[in-house]
Protein backbone atom coordinates (compact mmCIF):
# COMPACT_ATOMS: atom_id res chain seq x y z
CA MET A 1 4.44 -1.41 0.89
CA GLN A 2 6.51 0.84 3.01
CA GLU A 3 5.20 3.77 1.08
CA ILE A 4 1.82 2.57 1.53
CA GLN A 5 2.13 1.71 4.91
CA SER A 6 3.56 5.29 5.47
CA ARG A 7 0.53 6.69 3.72
CA PHE A 8 -2.35 5.13 4.64
CA GLY A 9 -1.06 3.26 7.69
CA PHE A 10 -2.54 6.35 10.22
CA SER A 11 -4.71 3.89 12.45
CA ALA A 12 -4.87 0.85 14.21
CA ARG A 13 -7.60 -0.55 11.80
CA ARG A 14 -5.06 0.59 8.96
CA LEU A 15 -2.40 -1.50 10.62
CA HIS A 16 -4.49 -4.54 10.60
CA LEU A 17 -5.80 -4.29 6.91
CA LEU A 18 -2.17 -4.06 5.69
CA GLY A 19 -0.90 -7.09 7.56
CA GLY A 20 -2.98 -9.00 5.28
CA LEU A 21 -2.54 -6.67 2.48
CA ARG A 22 1.10 -7.47 3.35
CA LEU A 23 0.29 -11.30 3.37
CA ALA A 24 -1.92 -10.85 0.05
CA LEU A 25 0.98 -9.25 -1.69
CA ARG A 26 3.39 -12.26 -0.79
CA ALA A 27 1.41 -14.73 -1.90
CA LEU A 28 0.67 -13.35 -5.64
CA LYS A 29 4.41 -12.11 -5.87
CA SER A 30 5.05 -15.95 -5.34
CA ALA A 31 3.05 -16.96 -7.84
CA GLY A 32 3.97 -14.59 -10.71
CA CYS A 33 1.81 -11.61 -10.24
CA GLY A 34 3.79 -8.32 -10.72
CA ILE A 35 1.17 -5.46 -10.55
CA VAL A 36 -1.81 -5.34 -7.61
CA TYR A 37 -3.53 -1.73 -7.21
CA ILE A 38 -5.13 -1.00 -4.40
CA ASP A 39 -8.67 1.38 -4.09
CA GLY A 40 -11.79 1.72 -2.11
CA SER A 41 -12.03 3.89 1.27
CA PHE A 42 -8.73 2.70 2.32
CA VAL A 43 -6.73 5.31 0.05
CA THR A 44 -9.11 7.98 1.23
CA ALA A 45 -8.58 9.95 4.44
CA GLU A 46 -11.34 7.59 6.57
CA ARG A 47 -10.19 6.95 9.17
CA GLU A 48 -11.33 3.45 9.90
CA PRO A 49 -12.05 1.93 6.68
CA GLY A 50 -13.97 -1.55 6.65
CA ASP A 51 -11.87 -2.99 4.18
CA TYR A 52 -9.56 -2.51 1.33
CA ASP A 53 -10.30 -3.55 -2.69
CA ALA A 54 -7.78 -4.83 -4.36
CA CYS A 55 -6.90 -5.66 -7.99
CA TRP A 56 -4.46 -7.74 -9.63
CA ASP A 57 -3.09 -8.21 -12.95
CA ILE A 58 -3.17 -12.01 -14.26
CA ASP A 59 -0.49 -11.57 -16.61
CA GLY A 60 2.28 -13.87 -15.60
CA VAL A 61 0.41 -15.26 -12.62
CA ASN A 62 0.84 -19.22 -12.31
CA VAL A 63 -2.48 -20.23 -11.68
CA GLU A 64 -1.42 -23.48 -10.05
CA ALA A 65 0.80 -22.08 -7.05
CA LEU A 66 -1.68 -19.05 -6.78
CA ASP A 67 -3.68 -19.61 -3.47
CA SER A 68 -7.04 -20.46 -4.64
CA VAL A 69 -8.79 -17.81 -2.34
CA PHE A 70 -7.84 -15.22 -4.93
CA LEU A 71 -10.01 -17.45 -6.95
CA ASP A 72 -13.14 -17.98 -4.88
CA PHE A 73 -15.60 -15.26 -5.51
CA SER A 74 -18.20 -16.80 -3.32
CA ASN A 75 -20.34 -15.37 -0.60
CA GLY A 76 -18.99 -11.98 -1.42
CA ARG A 77 -15.13 -13.01 -1.56
CA SER A 78 -15.77 -13.73 2.07
CA ALA A 79 -12.81 -16.33 2.21
CA GLN A 80 -10.60 -13.65 0.46
CA LYS A 81 -11.69 -11.18 3.19
CA ARG A 82 -11.23 -13.45 6.02
CA THR A 83 -8.49 -14.54 4.71
CA TYR A 84 -6.53 -10.90 3.78
CA PHE A 85 -8.66 -8.77 5.22
CA GLY A 86 -10.09 -7.46 2.11
CA PRO A 87 -11.20 -8.55 -1.58
CA PHE A 88 -9.38 -9.15 -4.75
CA PHE A 89 -10.45 -8.60 -8.28
CA PRO A 90 -8.60 -9.95 -10.99
CA ALA A 91 -8.26 -7.07 -13.49
CA GLN A 92 -8.88 -9.04 -16.95
CA MET A 93 -12.05 -10.28 -15.05
CA THR A 94 -15.00 -8.54 -16.65
CA GLU A 95 -17.00 -7.07 -13.73
CA GLY A 96 -20.73 -9.55 -14.10
CA ALA A 97 -23.15 -7.00 -12.27
CA SER A 98 -23.54 -3.84 -14.33
């Protein structure tokens, strides 16, 4: 997390987003998730990204211990964005729109 913050935490907006990401990573880790990928405009030089995109590996995750918000895909993942400031996608889930 420190490496991510050093590289991508160069504005107040980005630091705010990183706060949500940090909470999400703790929640995923406590459910057994060992791999999360960060993507989107957050990993660019854009100064004020709207959010970050995250993809998490379901292998080893105890769904019973997982915060249910990670499985709530309704309303454009609004609950995920409200709770953790970014959307989360299970890595092994097929994207349905394309």
